[in-house]
PDB file of N, CA and C in Angstrom:
ATOM      1  N   UNK A   1      12.932 -18.030  36.755  1.00  0.00           N
ATOM      2  CA  UNK A   1      12.627 -16.728  36.194  1.00  0.00           C
ATOM      3  C   UNK A   1      12.188 -16.858  34.743  1.00  0.00           C
ATOM      4  N   UNK A   2      12.825 -17.750  33.992  1.00  0.00           N
ATOM      5  CA  UNK A   2      12.517 -17.927  32.587  1.00  0.00           C
ATOM      6  C   UNK A   2      11.088 -18.433  32.408  1.00  0.00           C
ATOM      7  N   UNK A   3      10.611 -19.320  33.281  1.00  0.00           N
ATOM      8  CA  UNK A   3       9.248 -19.836  33.177  1.00  0.00           C
ATOM      9  C   UNK A   3       8.221 -18.740  33.392  1.00  0.00           C
ATOM     10  N   UNK A   4       8.452 -17.840  34.318  1.00  0.00           N
ATOM     11  CA  UNK A   4       7.515 -16.745  34.584  1.00  0.00           C
ATOM     12  C   UNK A   4       7.401 -15.833  33.377  1.00  0.00           C
ATOM     13  N   UNK A   5       8.513 -15.564  32.704  1.00  0.00           N
ATOM     14  CA  UNK A   5       8.481 -14.731  31.506  1.00  0.00           C
ATOM     15  C   UNK A   5       7.726 -15.430  30.392  1.00  0.00           C
ATOM     16  N   UNK A   6       7.905 -16.728  30.245  1.00  0.00           N
ATOM     17  CA  UNK A   6       7.222 -17.476  29.199  1.00  0.00           C
ATOM     18  C   UNK A   6       5.718 -17.490  29.429  1.00  0.00           C
ATOM     19  N   UNK A   7       5.281 -17.576  30.673  1.00  0.00           N
ATOM     20  CA  UNK A   7       3.860 -17.596  30.956  1.00  0.00           C
ATOM     21  C   UNK A   7       3.206 -16.253  30.651  1.00  0.00           C
ATOM     22  N   UNK A   8       3.887 -15.154  30.904  1.00  0.00           N
ATOM     23  CA  UNK A   8       3.295 -13.848  30.632  1.00  0.00           C
ATOM     24  C   UNK A   8       3.233 -13.577  29.137  1.00  0.00           C
ATOM     25  N   UNK A   9       4.055 -14.258  28.326  1.00  0.00           N
ATOM     26  CA  UNK A   9       4.060 -14.046  26.881  1.00  0.00           C
ATOM     27  C   UNK A   9       3.016 -14.899  26.172  1.00  0.00           C
ATOM     28  N   UNK A  10       2.292 -15.753  26.897  1.00  0.00           N
ATOM     29  CA  UNK A  10       1.314 -16.627  26.282  1.00  0.00           C
ATOM     30  C   UNK A  10       0.127 -15.825  25.748  1.00  0.00           C
ATOM     31  N   UNK A  11      -0.269 -16.154  24.531  1.00  0.00           N
ATOM     32  CA  UNK A  11      -1.424 -15.513  23.906  1.00  0.00           C
ATOM     33  C   UNK A  11      -2.506 -16.571  23.765  1.00  0.00           C
ATOM     34  N   UNK A  12      -3.686 -16.296  24.294  1.00  0.00           N
ATOM     35  CA  UNK A  12      -4.797 -17.250  24.206  1.00  0.00           C
ATOM     36  C   UNK A  12      -5.809 -16.749  23.187  1.00  0.00           C
ATOM     37  N   UNK A  13      -6.182 -17.640  22.284  1.00  0.00           N
ATOM     38  CA  UNK A  13      -7.167 -17.297  21.256  1.00  0.00           C
ATOM     39  C   UNK A  13      -8.196 -18.414  21.165  1.00  0.00           C
ATOM     40  N   UNK A  14      -9.356 -18.081  20.602  1.00  0.00           N
ATOM     41  CA  UNK A  14     -10.376 -19.108  20.373  1.00  0.00           C
ATOM     42  C   UNK A  14      -9.949 -19.962  19.183  1.00  0.00           C
ATOM     43  N   UNK A  15     -10.148 -21.244  19.281  1.00  0.00           N
ATOM     44  CA  UNK A  15      -9.748 -22.131  18.189  1.00  0.00           C
ATOM     45  C   UNK A  15     -10.601 -21.919  16.945  1.00  0.00           C
ATOM     46  N   UNK A  16     -11.779 -21.350  17.098  1.00  0.00           N
ATOM     47  CA  UNK A  16     -12.655 -21.134  15.942  1.00  0.00           C
ATOM     48  C   UNK A  16     -12.299 -19.867  15.166  1.00  0.00           C
ATOM     49  N   UNK A  17     -11.481 -19.001  15.741  1.00  0.00           N
ATOM     50  CA  UNK A  17     -11.145 -17.751  15.061  1.00  0.00           C
ATOM     51  C   UNK A  17     -10.016 -17.992  14.069  1.00  0.00           C
ATOM     52  N   UNK A  18     -10.293 -17.704  12.800  1.00  0.00           N
ATOM     53  CA  UNK A  18      -9.343 -17.976  11.730  1.00  0.00           C
ATOM     54  C   UNK A  18      -8.466 -16.777  11.383  1.00  0.00           C
ATOM     55  N   UNK A  19      -9.016 -15.575  11.510  1.00  0.00           N
ATOM     56  CA  UNK A  19      -8.288 -14.368  11.135  1.00  0.00           C
ATOM     57  C   UNK A  19      -8.392 -13.318  12.228  1.00  0.00           C
ATOM     58  N   UNK A  20      -7.367 -12.484  12.316  1.00  0.00           N
ATOM     59  CA  UNK A  20      -7.309 -11.415  13.305  1.00  0.00           C
ATOM     60  C   UNK A  20      -6.980 -10.109  12.605  1.00  0.00           C
ATOM     61  N   UNK A  21      -7.575  -9.029  13.065  1.00  0.00           N
ATOM     62  CA  UNK A  21      -7.273  -7.716  12.512  1.00  0.00           C
ATOM     63  C   UNK A  21      -6.002  -7.166  13.165  1.00  0.00           C
ATOM     64  N   UNK A  22      -5.498  -6.092  12.606  1.00  0.00           N
ATOM     65  CA  UNK A  22      -4.311  -5.446  13.163  1.00  0.00           C
ATOM     66  C   UNK A  22      -4.555  -5.000  14.604  1.00  0.00           C
ATOM     67  N   UNK A  23      -5.740  -4.484  14.879  1.00  0.00           N
ATOM     68  CA  UNK A  23      -6.079  -4.032  16.231  1.00  0.00           C
ATOM     69  C   UNK A  23      -6.059  -5.194  17.218  1.00  0.00           C
ATOM     70  N   UNK A  24      -6.632  -6.324  16.811  1.00  0.00           N
ATOM     71  CA  UNK A  24      -6.659  -7.499  17.687  1.00  0.00           C
ATOM     72  C   UNK A  24      -5.248  -8.032  17.944  1.00  0.00           C
ATOM     73  N   UNK A  25      -4.431  -8.072  16.915  1.00  0.00           N
ATOM     74  CA  UNK A  25      -3.059  -8.570  17.059  1.00  0.00           C
ATOM     75  C   UNK A  25      -2.268  -7.658  17.987  1.00  0.00           C
ATOM     76  N   UNK A  26      -2.447  -6.358  17.827  1.00  0.00           N
ATOM     77  CA  UNK A  26      -1.749  -5.400  18.684  1.00  0.00           C
ATOM     78  C   UNK A  26      -2.144  -5.593  20.142  1.00  0.00           C
ATOM     79  N   UNK A  27      -3.433  -5.773  20.385  1.00  0.00           N
ATOM     80  CA  UNK A  27      -3.925  -5.962  21.756  1.00  0.00           C
ATOM     81  C   UNK A  27      -3.449  -7.299  22.335  1.00  0.00           C
ATOM     82  N   UNK A  28      -3.495  -8.362  21.541  1.00  0.00           N
ATOM     83  CA  UNK A  28      -3.119  -9.690  22.027  1.00  0.00           C
ATOM     84  C   UNK A  28      -1.620  -9.827  22.286  1.00  0.00           C
ATOM     85  N   UNK A  29      -0.811  -9.252  21.415  1.00  0.00           N
ATOM     86  CA  UNK A  29       0.638  -9.432  21.524  1.00  0.00           C
ATOM     87  C   UNK A  29       1.316  -8.358  22.359  1.00  0.00           C
ATOM     88  N   UNK A  30       0.662  -7.198  22.505  1.00  0.00           N
ATOM     89  CA  UNK A  30       1.281  -6.104  23.241  1.00  0.00           C
ATOM     90  C   UNK A  30       2.261  -5.306  22.409  1.00  0.00           C
ATOM     91  N   UNK A  31       2.256  -5.523  21.102  1.00  0.00           N
ATOM     92  CA  UNK A  31       3.132  -4.786  20.190  1.00  0.00           C
ATOM     93  C   UNK A  31       2.340  -3.595  19.656  1.00  0.00           C
ATOM     94  N   UNK A  32       2.891  -2.394  19.774  1.00  0.00           N
ATOM     95  CA  UNK A  32       2.163  -1.213  19.297  1.00  0.00           C
ATOM     96  C   UNK A  32       1.979  -1.301  17.776  1.00  0.00           C
ATOM     97  N   UNK A  33       1.025  -0.557  17.256  1.00  0.00           N
ATOM     98  CA  UNK A  33       0.699  -0.647  15.831  1.00  0.00           C
ATOM     99  C   UNK A  33       1.853  -0.244  14.925  1.00  0.00           C
ATOM    100  N   UNK A  34       2.604   0.778  15.307  1.00  0.00           N
ATOM    101  CA  UNK A  34       3.733   1.205  14.473  1.00  0.00           C
ATOM    102  C   UNK A  34       4.788   0.111  14.368  1.00  0.00           C
ATOM    103  N   UNK A  35       5.162  -0.463  15.494  1.00  0.00           N
ATOM    104  CA  UNK A  35       6.149  -1.546  15.478  1.00  0.00           C
ATOM    105  C   UNK A  35       5.588  -2.778  14.762  1.00  0.00           C
ATOM    106  N   UNK A  36       4.308  -3.042  14.968  1.00  0.00           N
ATOM    107  CA  UNK A  36       3.667  -4.178  14.310  1.00  0.00           C
ATOM    108  C   UNK A  36       3.714  -4.018  12.796  1.00  0.00           C
ATOM    109  N   UNK A  37       3.360  -2.853  12.296  1.00  0.00           N
ATOM    110  CA  UNK A  37       3.381  -2.610  10.842  1.00  0.00           C
ATOM    111  C   UNK A  37       4.787  -2.780  10.271  1.00  0.00           C
ATOM    112  N   UNK A  38       5.789  -2.221  10.965  1.00  0.00           N
ATOM    113  CA  UNK A  38       7.169  -2.344  10.490  1.00  0.00           C
ATOM    114  C   UNK A  38       7.627  -3.796  10.466  1.00  0.00           C
ATOM    115  N   UNK A  39       7.321  -4.532  11.515  1.00  0.00           N
ATOM    116  CA  UNK A  39       7.715  -5.934  11.601  1.00  0.00           C
ATOM    117  C   UNK A  39       7.009  -6.777  10.539  1.00  0.00           C
ATOM    118  N   UNK A  40       5.735  -6.527  10.351  1.00  0.00           N
ATOM    119  CA  UNK A  40       4.948  -7.293   9.389  1.00  0.00           C
ATOM    120  C   UNK A  40       5.442  -7.050   7.966  1.00  0.00           C
ATOM    121  N   UNK A  41       5.757  -5.811   7.657  1.00  0.00           N
ATOM    122  CA  UNK A  41       6.250  -5.510   6.307  1.00  0.00           C
ATOM    123  C   UNK A  41       7.627  -6.111   6.069  1.00  0.00           C
ATOM    124  N   UNK A  42       8.494  -6.077   7.072  1.00  0.00           N
ATOM    125  CA  UNK A  42       9.839  -6.617   6.887  1.00  0.00           C
ATOM    126  C   UNK A  42       9.852  -8.143   6.841  1.00  0.00           C
ATOM    127  N   UNK A  43       8.917  -8.782   7.522  1.00  0.00           N
ATOM    128  CA  UNK A  43       8.864 -10.255   7.572  1.00  0.00           C
ATOM    129  C   UNK A  43       7.799 -10.856   6.651  1.00  0.00           C
ATOM    130  N   UNK A  44       7.071 -10.006   5.942  1.00  0.00           N
ATOM    131  CA  UNK A  44       6.023 -10.447   5.000  1.00  0.00           C
ATOM    132  C   UNK A  44       4.990 -11.362   5.666  1.00  0.00           C
ATOM    133  N   UNK A  45       4.457 -10.893   6.778  1.00  0.00           N
ATOM    134  CA  UNK A  45       3.431 -11.644   7.507  1.00  0.00           C
ATOM    135  C   UNK A  45       2.057 -11.059   7.213  1.00  0.00           C
ATOM    136  N   UNK A  46       1.027 -11.828   7.433  1.00  0.00           N
ATOM    137  CA  UNK A  46      -0.337 -11.349   7.254  1.00  0.00           C
ATOM    138  C   UNK A  46      -0.788 -11.435   5.809  1.00  0.00           C
ATOM    139  N   UNK A  47      -2.085 -11.274   5.627  1.00  0.00           N
ATOM    140  CA  UNK A  47      -2.688 -11.304   4.302  1.00  0.00           C
ATOM    141  C   UNK A  47      -3.283  -9.937   4.005  1.00  0.00           C
ATOM    142  N   UNK A  48      -2.970  -9.401   2.840  1.00  0.00           N
ATOM    143  CA  UNK A  48      -3.584  -8.135   2.442  1.00  0.00           C
ATOM    144  C   UNK A  48      -4.924  -8.452   1.796  1.00  0.00           C
ATOM    145  N   UNK A  49      -5.969  -7.817   2.290  1.00  0.00           N
ATOM    146  CA  UNK A  49      -7.320  -8.077   1.811  1.00  0.00           C
ATOM    147  C   UNK A  49      -7.938  -6.746   1.405  1.00  0.00           C
ATOM    148  N   UNK A  50      -8.551  -6.713   0.242  1.00  0.00           N
ATOM    149  CA  UNK A  50      -9.229  -5.500  -0.197  1.00  0.00           C
ATOM    150  C   UNK A  50     -10.630  -5.491   0.391  1.00  0.00           C
ATOM    151  N   UNK A  51     -10.931  -4.421   1.093  1.00  0.00           N
ATOM    152  CA  UNK A  51     -12.227  -4.270   1.750  1.00  0.00           C
ATOM    153  C   UNK A  51     -12.997  -3.183   1.020  1.00  0.00           C
ATOM    154  N   UNK A  52     -14.215  -3.492   0.632  1.00  0.00           N
ATOM    155  CA  UNK A  52     -15.047  -2.501  -0.054  1.00  0.00           C
ATOM    156  C   UNK A  52     -15.747  -1.642   0.994  1.00  0.00           C
ATOM    157  N   UNK A  53     -15.449  -0.367   1.009  1.00  0.00           N
ATOM    158  CA  UNK A  53     -16.090   0.587   1.914  1.00  0.00           C
ATOM    159  C   UNK A  53     -16.622   1.724   1.078  1.00  0.00           C
ATOM    160  N   UNK A  54     -17.929   1.879   1.077  1.00  0.00           N
ATOM    161  CA  UNK A  54     -18.578   2.923   0.287  1.00  0.00           C
ATOM    162  C   UNK A  54     -18.110   2.821  -1.158  1.00  0.00           C
ATOM    163  N   UNK A  55     -17.543   3.892  -1.680  1.00  0.00           N
ATOM    164  CA  UNK A  55     -17.113   3.885  -3.076  1.00  0.00           C
ATOM    165  C   UNK A  55     -15.622   3.583  -3.233  1.00  0.00           C
ATOM    166  N   UNK A  56     -14.857   3.772  -2.166  1.00  0.00           N
ATOM    167  CA  UNK A  56     -13.409   3.572  -2.263  1.00  0.00           C
ATOM    168  C   UNK A  56     -13.011   2.228  -1.673  1.00  0.00           C
ATOM    169  N   UNK A  57     -12.236   1.464  -2.438  1.00  0.00           N
ATOM    170  CA  UNK A  57     -11.719   0.197  -1.921  1.00  0.00           C
ATOM    171  C   UNK A  57     -10.557   0.469  -0.991  1.00  0.00           C
ATOM    172  N   UNK A  58     -10.486  -0.252   0.111  1.00  0.00           N
ATOM    173  CA  UNK A  58      -9.436  -0.050   1.104  1.00  0.00           C
ATOM    174  C   UNK A  58      -8.808  -1.406   1.386  1.00  0.00           C
ATOM    175  N   UNK A  59      -7.508  -1.424   1.636  1.00  0.00           N
ATOM    176  CA  UNK A  59      -6.857  -2.697   1.959  1.00  0.00           C
ATOM    177  C   UNK A  59      -6.620  -2.780   3.460  1.00  0.00           C
ATOM    178  N   UNK A  60      -6.783  -3.970   3.980  1.00  0.00           N
ATOM    179  CA  UNK A  60      -6.513  -4.256   5.392  1.00  0.00           C
ATOM    180  C   UNK A  60      -5.644  -5.490   5.447  1.00  0.00           C
ATOM    181  N   UNK A  61      -4.923  -5.615   6.516  1.00  0.00           N
ATOM    182  CA  UNK A  61      -4.088  -6.798   6.711  1.00  0.00           C
ATOM    183  C   UNK A  61      -4.755  -7.677   7.759  1.00  0.00           C
ATOM    184  N   UNK A  62      -4.920  -8.945   7.418  1.00  0.00           N
ATOM    185  CA  UNK A  62      -5.467  -9.920   8.352  1.00  0.00           C
ATOM    186  C   UNK A  62      -4.375 -10.917   8.705  1.00  0.00           C
ATOM    187  N   UNK A  63      -4.449 -11.437   9.920  1.00  0.00           N
ATOM    188  CA  UNK A  63      -3.422 -12.337  10.420  1.00  0.00           C
ATOM    189  C   UNK A  63      -4.032 -13.674  10.806  1.00  0.00           C
ATOM    190  N   UNK A  64      -3.284 -14.735  10.584  1.00  0.00           N
ATOM    191  CA  UNK A  64      -3.709 -16.084  10.962  1.00  0.00           C
ATOM    192  C   UNK A  64      -3.122 -16.409  12.341  1.00  0.00           C
ATOM    193  N   UNK A  65      -3.601 -17.475  12.968  1.00  0.00           N
ATOM    194  CA  UNK A  65      -2.983 -17.892  14.239  1.00  0.00           C
ATOM    195  C   UNK A  65      -1.483 -18.179  14.091  1.00  0.00           C
ATOM    196  N   UNK A  66      -1.060 -18.684  12.942  1.00  0.00           N
ATOM    197  CA  UNK A  66       0.374 -18.927  12.713  1.00  0.00           C
ATOM    198  C   UNK A  66       1.154 -17.614  12.709  1.00  0.00           C
ATOM    199  N   UNK A  67       0.578 -16.564  12.098  1.00  0.00           N
ATOM    200  CA  UNK A  67       1.214 -15.245  12.113  1.00  0.00           C
ATOM    201  C   UNK A  67       1.364 -14.744  13.552  1.00  0.00           C
ATOM    202  N   UNK A  68       0.328 -14.946  14.355  1.00  0.00           N
ATOM    203  CA  UNK A  68       0.373 -14.533  15.763  1.00  0.00           C
ATOM    204  C   UNK A  68       1.506 -15.235  16.497  1.00  0.00           C
ATOM    205  N   UNK A  69       1.658 -16.520  16.240  1.00  0.00           N
ATOM    206  CA  UNK A  69       2.725 -17.297  16.873  1.00  0.00           C
ATOM    207  C   UNK A  69       4.091 -16.720  16.510  1.00  0.00           C
ATOM    208  N   UNK A  70       4.296 -16.446  15.237  1.00  0.00           N
ATOM    209  CA  UNK A  70       5.577 -15.897  14.777  1.00  0.00           C
ATOM    210  C   UNK A  70       5.830 -14.534  15.416  1.00  0.00           C
ATOM    211  N   UNK A  71       4.809 -13.688  15.455  1.00  0.00           N
ATOM    212  CA  UNK A  71       4.967 -12.353  16.035  1.00  0.00           C
ATOM    213  C   UNK A  71       5.327 -12.406  17.516  1.00  0.00           C
ATOM    214  N   UNK A  72       4.720 -13.311  18.256  1.00  0.00           N
ATOM    215  CA  UNK A  72       5.037 -13.400  19.685  1.00  0.00           C
ATOM    216  C   UNK A  72       6.457 -13.914  19.909  1.00  0.00           C
ATOM    217  N   UNK A  73       6.976 -14.697  18.966  1.00  0.00           N
ATOM    218  CA  UNK A  73       8.348 -15.199  19.080  1.00  0.00           C
ATOM    219  C   UNK A  73       9.374 -14.128  18.664  1.00  0.00           C
ATOM    220  N   UNK A  74       9.033 -13.327  17.674  1.00  0.00           N
ATOM    221  CA  UNK A  74       9.991 -12.353  17.122  1.00  0.00           C
ATOM    222  C   UNK A  74      10.089 -11.062  17.904  1.00  0.00           C
ATOM    223  N   UNK A  75       8.969 -10.586  18.430  1.00  0.00           N
ATOM    224  CA  UNK A  75       8.968  -9.240  19.011  1.00  0.00           C
ATOM    225  C   UNK A  75       8.487  -9.254  20.454  1.00  0.00           C
ATOM    226  N   UNK A  76       9.212  -8.548  21.313  1.00  0.00           N
ATOM    227  CA  UNK A  76       8.752  -8.422  22.698  1.00  0.00           C
ATOM    228  C   UNK A  76       7.608  -7.406  22.779  1.00  0.00           C
ATOM    229  N   UNK A  77       6.899  -7.414  23.888  1.00  0.00           N
ATOM    230  CA  UNK A  77       5.861  -6.410  24.117  1.00  0.00           C
ATOM    231  C   UNK A  77       6.491  -5.037  24.150  1.00  0.00           C
ATOM    232  N   UNK A  78       5.785  -4.043  23.650  1.00  0.00           N
ATOM    233  CA  UNK A  78       6.293  -2.670  23.674  1.00  0.00           C
ATOM    234  C   UNK A  78       6.165  -2.108  25.081  1.00  0.00           C
ATOM    235  N   UNK A  79       7.153  -1.374  25.491  1.00  0.00           N
ATOM    236  CA  UNK A  79       7.148  -0.764  26.816  1.00  0.00           C
ATOM    237  C   UNK A  79       6.340   0.520  26.841  1.00  0.00           C
ATOM    238  N   UNK A  80       6.241   1.202  25.704  1.00  0.00           N
ATOM    239  CA  UNK A  80       5.452   2.421  25.655  1.00  0.00           C
ATOM    240  C   UNK A  80       3.984   2.080  25.449  1.00  0.00           C
ATOM    241  N   UNK A  81       3.119   3.048  25.373  1.00  0.00           N
ATOM    242  CA  UNK A  81       1.676   2.782  25.286  1.00  0.00           C
ATOM    243  C   UNK A  81       1.338   1.984  24.035  1.00  0.00           C
ATOM    244  N   UNK A  82       0.415   1.041  24.175  1.00  0.00           N
ATOM    245  CA  UNK A  82       0.024   0.176  23.063  1.00  0.00           C
ATOM    246  C   UNK A  82      -1.169   0.724  22.363  1.00  0.00           C
TER     247      UNK A  82
END
C-alpha cells in the first residue's frame, strides 16, 4: 500500500526547467494556492522576484526544483478543489 501512495505523489518535471510559477507548483503538487502560500511563507521557500508590468512593479514567487521536492515531502495533496 505504501508503494502505491509513493507512486501517486511523484512529480515529473523537465530537467531543463529551472523555475516554476505558483500556478505550476499548485498544479504539479496538488496543493491549493491558499495552502501553498501559507506553507511557503512559513517555511521561507521560493524566490521573490519583482516583475515589471506596465507602470506598477509587481512581485511574484518563483520556485526551483528543490523547492518542489520540499513541498511534495511537507504537504499532502489538498482534498478540496485545487
